[in-house]
Amino acid sequence: MAETAFFLGEGGHVWEMDLPLREQHARDEKEGRLVRVNPDGSPLTEPADQPDVTHEVPKKPNKGSSKADWVAWAVHQGLDPQEAEEATREALIERYHGAE
């Protein structure tokens, strides 16, 4: 099951989104158009001992990259994380090698 988080959008609506965020949503968060909140929309307070989590865009893997790299790339391209884990490395390469 994918990890999710709640985000407050510009219109005041609270959205539940899968993590890691897709590129556009990560950009919206970075630029302040999405703010991570509690499920009820109240401000999120993270414990001080937890590091700040960034949602980096994975680098496009080459054909010799590990399955983990291909899973990260496929999820970044929109594939469900569980489906990506269940797929073979070869299937991920075939499907996503040409994806930018």
PDB file of N, CA and C in Angstrom:
ATOM      1  N   MET A   1       0.842  -1.180   0.000  1.00  0.00           N
ATOM      2  CA  MET A   1       0.000   0.000   0.000  1.00  0.00           C
ATOM      3  C   MET A   1       0.887   1.244   0.000  1.00  0.00           C
ATOM      4  N   ALA A   2       0.544   2.209  -0.813  1.00  0.00           N
ATOM      5  CA  ALA A   2       1.338   3.423  -0.935  1.00  0.00           C
ATOM      6  C   ALA A   2       1.158   4.305   0.298  1.00  0.00           C
ATOM      7  N   GLU A   3       2.228   4.974   0.680  1.00  0.00           N
ATOM      8  CA  GLU A   3       2.157   5.942   1.763  1.00  0.00           C
ATOM      9  C   GLU A   3       1.463   7.193   1.218  1.00  0.00           C
ATOM     10  N   THR A   4       0.593   7.783   2.014  1.00  0.00           N
ATOM     11  CA  THR A   4      -0.098   8.983   1.584  1.00  0.00           C
ATOM     12  C   THR A   4       0.122  10.105   2.589  1.00  0.00           C
ATOM     13  N   ALA A   5      -0.188  11.314   2.157  1.00  0.00           N
ATOM     14  CA  ALA A   5      -0.127  12.498   3.011  1.00  0.00           C
ATOM     15  C   ALA A   5      -1.256  13.425   2.585  1.00  0.00           C
ATOM     16  N   PHE A   6      -1.573  14.376   3.429  1.00  0.00           N
ATOM     17  CA  PHE A   6      -2.650  15.320   3.150  1.00  0.00           C
ATOM     18  C   PHE A   6      -2.051  16.686   2.858  1.00  0.00           C
ATOM     19  N   PHE A   7      -2.626  17.355   1.852  1.00  0.00           N
ATOM     20  CA  PHE A   7      -2.129  18.650   1.422  1.00  0.00           C
ATOM     21  C   PHE A   7      -3.293  19.623   1.266  1.00  0.00           C
ATOM     22  N   LEU A   8      -3.062  20.858   1.704  1.00  0.00           N
ATOM     23  CA  LEU A   8      -4.039  21.928   1.558  1.00  0.00           C
ATOM     24  C   LEU A   8      -3.701  22.687   0.289  1.00  0.00           C
ATOM     25  N   GLY A   9      -4.676  22.750  -0.628  1.00  0.00           N
ATOM     26  CA  GLY A   9      -4.460  23.442  -1.887  1.00  0.00           C
ATOM     27  C   GLY A   9      -4.878  24.896  -1.802  1.00  0.00           C
ATOM     28  N   GLU A  10      -4.635  25.646  -2.871  1.00  0.00           N
ATOM     29  CA  GLU A  10      -4.939  27.077  -2.904  1.00  0.00           C
ATOM     30  C   GLU A  10      -6.413  27.374  -2.658  1.00  0.00           C
ATOM     31  N   GLY A  11      -7.307  26.490  -3.096  1.00  0.00           N
ATOM     32  CA  GLY A  11      -8.737  26.727  -2.922  1.00  0.00           C
ATOM     33  C   GLY A  11      -9.258  26.343  -1.548  1.00  0.00           C
ATOM     34  N   GLY A  12      -8.377  25.892  -0.658  1.00  0.00           N
ATOM     35  CA  GLY A  12      -8.793  25.524   0.688  1.00  0.00           C
ATOM     36  C   GLY A  12      -9.232  24.074   0.828  1.00  0.00           C
ATOM     37  N   HIS A  13      -9.109  23.290  -0.229  1.00  0.00           N
ATOM     38  CA  HIS A  13      -9.504  21.889  -0.184  1.00  0.00           C
ATOM     39  C   HIS A  13      -8.327  21.042   0.304  1.00  0.00           C
ATOM     40  N   VAL A  14      -8.612  20.034   1.129  1.00  0.00           N
ATOM     41  CA  VAL A  14      -7.584  19.111   1.596  1.00  0.00           C
ATOM     42  C   VAL A  14      -7.591  17.889   0.686  1.00  0.00           C
ATOM     43  N   TRP A  15      -6.413  17.588   0.120  1.00  0.00           N
ATOM     44  CA  TRP A  15      -6.252  16.474  -0.806  1.00  0.00           C
ATOM     45  C   TRP A  15      -5.375  15.416  -0.170  1.00  0.00           C
ATOM     46  N   GLU A  16      -5.747  14.139  -0.322  1.00  0.00           N
ATOM     47  CA  GLU A  16      -4.883  13.039   0.080  1.00  0.00           C
ATOM     48  C   GLU A  16      -4.118  12.602  -1.162  1.00  0.00           C
ATOM     49  N   MET A  17      -2.788  12.588  -1.071  1.00  0.00           N
ATOM     50  CA  MET A  17      -1.956  12.268  -2.230  1.00  0.00           C
ATOM     51  C   MET A  17      -0.945  11.189  -1.873  1.00  0.00           C
ATOM     52  N   ASP A  18      -0.623  10.359  -2.864  1.00  0.00           N
ATOM     53  CA  ASP A  18       0.400   9.330  -2.694  1.00  0.00           C
ATOM     54  C   ASP A  18       1.775   9.974  -2.621  1.00  0.00           C
ATOM     55  N   LEU A  19       2.625   9.374  -1.818  1.00  0.00           N
ATOM     56  CA  LEU A  19       4.018   9.794  -1.728  1.00  0.00           C
ATOM     57  C   LEU A  19       4.885   8.754  -2.405  1.00  0.00           C
ATOM     58  N   PRO A  20       5.962   9.111  -3.047  1.00  0.00           N
ATOM     59  CA  PRO A  20       6.409  10.473  -3.233  1.00  0.00           C
ATOM     60  C   PRO A  20       5.499  11.209  -4.205  1.00  0.00           C
ATOM     61  N   LEU A  21       5.445  12.528  -4.048  1.00  0.00           N
ATOM     62  CA  LEU A  21       4.598  13.331  -4.915  1.00  0.00           C
ATOM     63  C   LEU A  21       5.100  13.278  -6.352  1.00  0.00           C
ATOM     64  N   ARG A  22       4.171  13.372  -7.275  1.00  0.00           N
ATOM     65  CA  ARG A  22       4.565  13.488  -8.684  1.00  0.00           C
ATOM     66  C   ARG A  22       5.254  14.832  -8.879  1.00  0.00           C
ATOM     67  N   GLU A  23       5.984  14.951  -9.950  1.00  0.00           N
ATOM     68  CA  GLU A  23       6.830  16.121 -10.188  1.00  0.00           C
ATOM     69  C   GLU A  23       6.065  17.440 -10.057  1.00  0.00           C
ATOM     70  N   GLN A  24       4.912  17.563 -10.687  1.00  0.00           N
ATOM     71  CA  GLN A  24       4.160  18.823 -10.635  1.00  0.00           C
ATOM     72  C   GLN A  24       3.702  19.135  -9.219  1.00  0.00           C
ATOM     73  N   HIS A  25       3.221  18.118  -8.487  1.00  0.00           N
ATOM     74  CA  HIS A  25       2.772  18.356  -7.121  1.00  0.00           C
ATOM     75  C   HIS A  25       3.940  18.706  -6.207  1.00  0.00           C
ATOM     76  N   ALA A  26       5.084  18.080  -6.424  1.00  0.00           N
ATOM     77  CA  ALA A  26       6.276  18.413  -5.635  1.00  0.00           C
ATOM     78  C   ALA A  26       6.670  19.868  -5.881  1.00  0.00           C
ATOM     79  N   ARG A  27       6.569  20.297  -7.126  1.00  0.00           N
ATOM     80  CA  ARG A  27       6.873  21.691  -7.468  1.00  0.00           C
ATOM     81  C   ARG A  27       5.863  22.628  -6.800  1.00  0.00           C
ATOM     82  N   ASP A  28       4.571  22.233  -6.831  1.00  0.00           N
ATOM     83  CA  ASP A  28       3.542  23.048  -6.175  1.00  0.00           C
ATOM     84  C   ASP A  28       3.806  23.166  -4.677  1.00  0.00           C
ATOM     85  N   GLU A  29       4.262  22.072  -4.050  1.00  0.00           N
ATOM     86  CA  GLU A  29       4.577  22.118  -2.621  1.00  0.00           C
ATOM     87  C   GLU A  29       5.767  23.043  -2.375  1.00  0.00           C
ATOM     88  N   LYS A  30       6.788  22.903  -3.183  1.00  0.00           N
ATOM     89  CA  LYS A  30       7.988  23.727  -3.023  1.00  0.00           C
ATOM     90  C   LYS A  30       7.671  25.209  -3.180  1.00  0.00           C
ATOM     91  N   GLU A  31       6.745  25.522  -4.091  1.00  0.00           N
ATOM     92  CA  GLU A  31       6.399  26.913  -4.366  1.00  0.00           C
ATOM     93  C   GLU A  31       5.253  27.417  -3.496  1.00  0.00           C
ATOM     94  N   GLY A  32       4.761  26.574  -2.576  1.00  0.00           N
ATOM     95  CA  GLY A  32       3.760  27.021  -1.607  1.00  0.00           C
ATOM     96  C   GLY A  32       2.310  26.906  -2.038  1.00  0.00           C
ATOM     97  N   ARG A  33       2.053  26.314  -3.216  1.00  0.00           N
ATOM     98  CA  ARG A  33       0.664  26.161  -3.658  1.00  0.00           C
ATOM     99  C   ARG A  33       0.002  24.954  -3.004  1.00  0.00           C
ATOM    100  N   LEU A  34       0.796  24.034  -2.474  1.00  0.00           N
ATOM    101  CA  LEU A  34       0.324  22.904  -1.675  1.00  0.00           C
ATOM    102  C   LEU A  34       1.091  22.938  -0.362  1.00  0.00           C
ATOM    103  N   VAL A  35       0.356  22.752   0.741  1.00  0.00           N
ATOM    104  CA  VAL A  35       0.986  22.732   2.056  1.00  0.00           C
ATOM    105  C   VAL A  35       0.569  21.456   2.758  1.00  0.00           C
ATOM    106  N   ARG A  36       1.546  20.695   3.256  1.00  0.00           N
ATOM    107  CA  ARG A  36       1.228  19.448   3.953  1.00  0.00           C
ATOM    108  C   ARG A  36       0.536  19.777   5.274  1.00  0.00           C
ATOM    109  N   VAL A  37      -0.588  19.085   5.523  1.00  0.00           N
ATOM    110  CA  VAL A  37      -1.400  19.328   6.713  1.00  0.00           C
ATOM    111  C   VAL A  37      -1.854  17.999   7.306  1.00  0.00           C
ATOM    112  N   ASN A  38      -2.511  18.070   8.463  1.00  0.00           N
ATOM    113  CA  ASN A  38      -3.167  16.905   9.054  1.00  0.00           C
ATOM    114  C   ASN A  38      -4.423  16.598   8.247  1.00  0.00           C
ATOM    115  N   PRO A  39      -4.998  15.398   8.382  1.00  0.00           N
ATOM    116  CA  PRO A  39      -6.195  15.049   7.604  1.00  0.00           C
ATOM    117  C   PRO A  39      -7.361  16.030   7.768  1.00  0.00           C
ATOM    118  N   ASP A  40      -7.440  16.703   8.914  1.00  0.00           N
ATOM    119  CA  ASP A  40      -8.529  17.668   9.128  1.00  0.00           C
ATOM    120  C   ASP A  40      -8.207  19.061   8.601  1.00  0.00           C
ATOM    121  N   GLY A  41      -7.034  19.225   7.997  1.00  0.00           N
ATOM    122  CA  GLY A  41      -6.639  20.510   7.431  1.00  0.00           C
ATOM    123  C   GLY A  41      -5.862  21.391   8.389  1.00  0.00           C
ATOM    124  N   SER A  42      -5.701  20.953   9.621  1.00  0.00           N
ATOM    125  CA  SER A  42      -4.941  21.742  10.593  1.00  0.00           C
ATOM    126  C   SER A  42      -3.456  21.656  10.261  1.00  0.00           C
ATOM    127  N   PRO A  43      -2.677  22.651  10.690  1.00  0.00           N
ATOM    128  CA  PRO A  43      -1.240  22.648  10.385  1.00  0.00           C
ATOM    129  C   PRO A  43      -0.555  21.383  10.878  1.00  0.00           C
ATOM    130  N   LEU A  44       0.324  20.865  10.059  1.00  0.00           N
ATOM    131  CA  LEU A  44       1.077  19.660  10.397  1.00  0.00           C
ATOM    132  C   LEU A  44       2.290  20.053  11.227  1.00  0.00           C
ATOM    133  N   THR A  45       2.427  19.405  12.357  1.00  0.00           N
ATOM    134  CA  THR A  45       3.630  19.606  13.167  1.00  0.00           C
ATOM    135  C   THR A  45       4.347  18.279  13.226  1.00  0.00           C
ATOM    136  N   GLU A  46       5.560  18.258  12.693  1.00  0.00           N
ATOM    137  CA  GLU A  46       6.351  17.040  12.671  1.00  0.00           C
ATOM    138  C   GLU A  46       7.278  17.035  13.875  1.00  0.00           C
ATOM    139  N   PRO A  47       7.475  15.880  14.473  1.00  0.00           N
ATOM    140  CA  PRO A  47       8.412  15.808  15.593  1.00  0.00           C
ATOM    141  C   PRO A  47       9.784  16.328  15.195  1.00  0.00           C
ATOM    142  N   ALA A  48      10.444  16.997  16.112  1.00  0.00           N
ATOM    143  CA  ALA A  48      11.743  17.611  15.826  1.00  0.00           C
ATOM    144  C   ALA A  48      12.811  16.584  15.469  1.00  0.00           C
ATOM    145  N   ASP A  49      12.640  15.335  15.904  1.00  0.00           N
ATOM    146  CA  ASP A  49      13.665  14.340  15.624  1.00  0.00           C
ATOM    147  C   ASP A  49      13.542  13.713  14.240  1.00  0.00           C
ATOM    148  N   GLN A  50      12.500  14.055  13.493  1.00  0.00           N
ATOM    149  CA  GLN A  50      12.350  13.514  12.141  1.00  0.00           C
ATOM    150  C   GLN A  50      12.966  14.474  11.132  1.00  0.00           C
ATOM    151  N   PRO A  51      13.775  13.952  10.233  1.00  0.00           N
ATOM    152  CA  PRO A  51      14.379  14.837   9.226  1.00  0.00           C
ATOM    153  C   PRO A  51      13.331  15.334   8.237  1.00  0.00           C
ATOM    154  N   ASP A  52      13.618  16.468   7.631  1.00  0.00           N
ATOM    155  CA  ASP A  52      12.750  17.016   6.600  1.00  0.00           C
ATOM    156  C   ASP A  52      12.833  16.090   5.389  1.00  0.00           C
ATOM    157  N   VAL A  53      11.689  15.643   4.905  1.00  0.00           N
ATOM    158  CA  VAL A  53      11.654  14.727   3.776  1.00  0.00           C
ATOM    159  C   VAL A  53      11.504  15.544   2.495  1.00  0.00           C
ATOM    160  N   THR A  54      12.418  15.343   1.571  1.00  0.00           N
ATOM    161  CA  THR A  54      12.308  16.005   0.282  1.00  0.00           C
ATOM    162  C   THR A  54      11.862  14.982  -0.747  1.00  0.00           C
ATOM    163  N   HIS A  55      11.205  15.455  -1.762  1.00  0.00           N
ATOM    164  CA  HIS A  55      10.675  14.581  -2.800  1.00  0.00           C
ATOM    165  C   HIS A  55      11.483  14.823  -4.073  1.00  0.00           C
ATOM    166  N   GLU A  56      12.650  14.216  -4.112  1.00  0.00           N
ATOM    167  CA  GLU A  56      13.519  14.400  -5.258  1.00  0.00           C
ATOM    168  C   GLU A  56      13.014  13.615  -6.454  1.00  0.00           C
ATOM    169  N   VAL A  57      13.182  14.204  -7.602  1.00  0.00           N
ATOM    170  CA  VAL A  57      12.836  13.525  -8.846  1.00  0.00           C
ATOM    171  C   VAL A  57      13.949  12.540  -9.149  1.00  0.00           C
ATOM    172  N   PRO A  58      13.597  11.250  -9.346  1.00  0.00           N
ATOM    173  CA  PRO A  58      14.650  10.280  -9.625  1.00  0.00           C
ATOM    174  C   PRO A  58      15.296  10.540 -10.985  1.00  0.00           C
ATOM    175  N   LYS A  59      16.568  10.205 -11.076  1.00  0.00           N
ATOM    176  CA  LYS A  59      17.293  10.311 -12.339  1.00  0.00           C
ATOM    177  C   LYS A  59      16.863   9.146 -13.233  1.00  0.00           C
ATOM    178  N   LYS A  60      16.684   9.436 -14.519  1.00  0.00           N
ATOM    179  CA  LYS A  60      16.300   8.375 -15.442  1.00  0.00           C
ATOM    180  C   LYS A  60      17.404   7.323 -15.492  1.00  0.00           C
ATOM    181  N   PRO A  61      17.057   6.055 -15.195  1.00  0.00           N
ATOM    182  CA  PRO A  61      18.075   5.008 -15.193  1.00  0.00           C
ATOM    183  C   PRO A  61      18.470   4.581 -16.608  1.00  0.00           C
ATOM    184  N   ASN A  62      19.644   3.976 -16.706  1.00  0.00           N
ATOM    185  CA  ASN A  62      20.040   3.391 -17.993  1.00  0.00           C
ATOM    186  C   ASN A  62      19.704   1.902 -17.939  1.00  0.00           C
ATOM    187  N   LYS A  63      19.872   1.222 -19.052  1.00  0.00           N
ATOM    188  CA  LYS A  63      19.481  -0.188 -19.117  1.00  0.00           C
ATOM    189  C   LYS A  63      20.242  -1.068 -18.142  1.00  0.00           C
ATOM    190  N   GLY A  64      21.405  -0.640 -17.683  1.00  0.00           N
ATOM    191  CA  GLY A  64      22.184  -1.429 -16.741  1.00  0.00           C
ATOM    192  C   GLY A  64      21.880  -1.126 -15.281  1.00  0.00           C
ATOM    193  N   SER A  65      20.959  -0.201 -15.026  1.00  0.00           N
ATOM    194  CA  SER A  65      20.636   0.190 -13.649  1.00  0.00           C
ATOM    195  C   SER A  65      19.900  -0.915 -12.910  1.00  0.00           C
ATOM    196  N   SER A  66      19.889  -0.797 -11.594  1.00  0.00           N
ATOM    197  CA  SER A  66      19.243  -1.797 -10.740  1.00  0.00           C
ATOM    198  C   SER A  66      17.727  -1.759 -10.869  1.00  0.00           C
ATOM    199  N   LYS A  67      17.099  -2.829 -10.413  1.00  0.00           N
ATOM    200  CA  LYS A  67      15.637  -2.867 -10.421  1.00  0.00           C
ATOM    201  C   LYS A  67      15.083  -1.744  -9.552  1.00  0.00           C
ATOM    202  N   ALA A  68      15.713  -1.468  -8.410  1.00  0.00           N
ATOM    203  CA  ALA A  68      15.241  -0.398  -7.520  1.00  0.00           C
ATOM    204  C   ALA A  68      15.206   0.940  -8.253  1.00  0.00           C
ATOM    205  N   ASP A  69      16.220   1.215  -9.072  1.00  0.00           N
ATOM    206  CA  ASP A  69      16.239   2.453  -9.853  1.00  0.00           C
ATOM    207  C   ASP A  69      15.085   2.484 -10.851  1.00  0.00           C
ATOM    208  N   TRP A  70      14.822   1.333 -11.485  1.00  0.00           N
ATOM    209  CA  TRP A  70      13.727   1.265 -12.453  1.00  0.00           C
ATOM    210  C   TRP A  70      12.373   1.377 -11.763  1.00  0.00           C
ATOM    211  N   VAL A  71      12.236   0.811 -10.564  1.00  0.00           N
ATOM    212  CA  VAL A  71      10.985   0.944  -9.807  1.00  0.00           C
ATOM    213  C   VAL A  71      10.746   2.409  -9.481  1.00  0.00           C
ATOM    214  N   ALA A  72      11.764   3.103  -8.981  1.00  0.00           N
ATOM    215  CA  ALA A  72      11.626   4.525  -8.648  1.00  0.00           C
ATOM    216  C   ALA A  72      11.222   5.336  -9.879  1.00  0.00           C
ATOM    217  N   TRP A  73      11.830   5.036 -11.020  1.00  0.00           N
ATOM    218  CA  TRP A  73      11.515   5.768 -12.250  1.00  0.00           C
ATOM    219  C   TRP A  73      10.079   5.484 -12.700  1.00  0.00           C
ATOM    220  N   ALA A  74       9.667   4.221 -12.634  1.00  0.00           N
ATOM    221  CA  ALA A  74       8.302   3.851 -13.049  1.00  0.00           C
ATOM    222  C   ALA A  74       7.270   4.521 -12.157  1.00  0.00           C
ATOM    223  N   VAL A  75       7.516   4.559 -10.848  1.00  0.00           N
ATOM    224  CA  VAL A  75       6.593   5.227  -9.923  1.00  0.00           C
ATOM    225  C   VAL A  75       6.550   6.715 -10.237  1.00  0.00           C
ATOM    226  N   HIS A  76       7.695   7.304 -10.515  1.00  0.00           N
ATOM    227  CA  HIS A  76       7.753   8.718 -10.906  1.00  0.00           C
ATOM    228  C   HIS A  76       6.928   8.964 -12.176  1.00  0.00           C
ATOM    229  N   GLN A  77       6.903   7.981 -13.072  1.00  0.00           N
ATOM    230  CA  GLN A  77       6.137   8.108 -14.305  1.00  0.00           C
ATOM    231  C   GLN A  77       4.644   7.830 -14.097  1.00  0.00           C
ATOM    232  N   GLY A  78       4.243   7.442 -12.870  1.00  0.00           N
ATOM    233  CA  GLY A  78       2.826   7.269 -12.576  1.00  0.00           C
ATOM    234  C   GLY A  78       2.372   5.854 -12.276  1.00  0.00           C
ATOM    235  N   LEU A  79       3.264   4.874 -12.352  1.00  0.00           N
ATOM    236  CA  LEU A  79       2.888   3.496 -12.063  1.00  0.00           C
ATOM    237  C   LEU A  79       2.681   3.327 -10.561  1.00  0.00           C
ATOM    238  N   ASP A  80       1.682   2.551 -10.182  1.00  0.00           N
ATOM    239  CA  ASP A  80       1.426   2.251  -8.782  1.00  0.00           C
ATOM    240  C   ASP A  80       2.667   1.590  -8.184  1.00  0.00           C
ATOM    241  N   PRO A  81       3.113   2.030  -6.986  1.00  0.00           N
ATOM    242  CA  PRO A  81       4.330   1.461  -6.396  1.00  0.00           C
ATOM    243  C   PRO A  81       4.298  -0.060  -6.256  1.00  0.00           C
ATOM    244  N   GLN A  82       3.157  -0.614  -5.877  1.00  0.00           N
ATOM    245  CA  GLN A  82       3.078  -2.065  -5.718  1.00  0.00           C
ATOM    246  C   GLN A  82       3.238  -2.765  -7.069  1.00  0.00           C
ATOM    247  N   GLU A  83       2.593  -2.227  -8.104  1.00  0.00           N
ATOM    248  CA  GLU A  83       2.743  -2.796  -9.443  1.00  0.00           C
ATOM    249  C   GLU A  83       4.198  -2.724  -9.903  1.00  0.00           C
ATOM    250  N   ALA A  84       4.848  -1.614  -9.598  1.00  0.00           N
ATOM    251  CA  ALA A  84       6.241  -1.450  -9.996  1.00  0.00           C
ATOM    252  C   ALA A  84       7.121  -2.489  -9.310  1.00  0.00           C
ATOM    253  N   GLU A  85       6.879  -2.729  -8.019  1.00  0.00           N
ATOM    254  CA  GLU A  85       7.666  -3.727  -7.278  1.00  0.00           C
ATOM    255  C   GLU A  85       7.432  -5.131  -7.817  1.00  0.00           C
ATOM    256  N   GLU A  86       6.207  -5.416  -8.245  1.00  0.00           N
ATOM    257  CA  GLU A  86       5.866  -6.751  -8.730  1.00  0.00           C
ATOM    258  C   GLU A  86       6.373  -7.019 -10.146  1.00  0.00           C
ATOM    259  N   ALA A  87       6.614  -5.967 -10.906  1.00  0.00           N
ATOM    260  CA  ALA A  87       7.090  -6.121 -12.282  1.00  0.00           C
ATOM    261  C   ALA A  87       8.553  -6.555 -12.291  1.00  0.00           C
ATOM    262  N   THR A  88       8.934  -7.218 -13.358  1.00  0.00           N
ATOM    263  CA  THR A  88      10.348  -7.573 -13.502  1.00  0.00           C
ATOM    264  C   THR A  88      11.127  -6.349 -13.973  1.00  0.00           C
ATOM    265  N   ARG A  89      12.411  -6.365 -13.720  1.00  0.00           N
ATOM    266  CA  ARG A  89      13.276  -5.271 -14.171  1.00  0.00           C
ATOM    267  C   ARG A  89      13.187  -5.120 -15.683  1.00  0.00           C
ATOM    268  N   GLU A  90      13.169  -6.250 -16.382  1.00  0.00           N
ATOM    269  CA  GLU A  90      13.109  -6.227 -17.846  1.00  0.00           C
ATOM    270  C   GLU A  90      11.798  -5.600 -18.334  1.00  0.00           C
ATOM    271  N   ALA A  91      10.684  -5.906 -17.663  1.00  0.00           N
ATOM    272  CA  ALA A  91       9.395  -5.330 -18.053  1.00  0.00           C
ATOM    273  C   ALA A  91       9.393  -3.820 -17.831  1.00  0.00           C
ATOM    274  N   LEU A  92       9.999  -3.375 -16.737  1.00  0.00           N
ATOM    275  CA  LEU A  92      10.077  -1.931 -16.458  1.00  0.00           C
ATOM    276  C   LEU A  92      10.934  -1.226 -17.497  1.00  0.00           C
ATOM    277  N   ILE A  93      12.050  -1.855 -17.864  1.00  0.00           N
ATOM    278  CA  ILE A  93      12.918  -1.269 -18.898  1.00  0.00           C
ATOM    279  C   ILE A  93      12.161  -1.161 -20.211  1.00  0.00           C
ATOM    280  N   GLU A  94      11.476  -2.236 -20.593  1.00  0.00           N
ATOM    281  CA  GLU A  94      10.734  -2.237 -21.858  1.00  0.00           C
ATOM    282  C   GLU A  94       9.680  -1.131 -21.874  1.00  0.00           C
ATOM    283  N   ARG A  95       8.998  -0.960 -20.765  1.00  0.00           N
ATOM    284  CA  ARG A  95       7.893   0.014 -20.707  1.00  0.00           C
ATOM    285  C   ARG A  95       8.360   1.457 -20.536  1.00  0.00           C
ATOM    286  N   TYR A  96       9.438   1.673 -19.766  1.00  0.00           N
ATOM    287  CA  TYR A  96       9.805   3.032 -19.383  1.00  0.00           C
ATOM    288  C   TYR A  96      11.156   3.531 -19.901  1.00  0.00           C
ATOM    289  N   HIS A  97      11.875   2.747 -20.680  1.00  0.00           N
ATOM    290  CA  HIS A  97      13.190   3.203 -21.145  1.00  0.00           C
ATOM    291  C   HIS A  97      13.086   4.479 -21.965  1.00  0.00           C
ATOM    292  N   GLY A  98      12.055   4.633 -22.764  1.00  0.00           N
ATOM    293  CA  GLY A  98      11.918   5.816 -23.589  1.00  0.00           C
ATOM    294  C   GLY A  98      11.228   6.976 -22.902  1.00  0.00           C
ATOM    295  N   ALA A  99      10.726   6.791 -21.676  1.00  0.00           N
ATOM    296  CA  ALA A  99       9.969   7.840 -20.983  1.00  0.00           C
ATOM    297  C   ALA A  99      10.888   8.927 -20.464  1.00  0.00           C
ATOM    298  N   GLU A 100      10.477  10.140 -20.663  1.00  0.00           N
ATOM    299  CA  GLU A 100      11.223  11.295 -20.138  1.00  0.00           C
ATOM    300  C   GLU A 100      10.435  11.797 -18.983  1.00  0.00           C
TER     301      GLU A 100
END
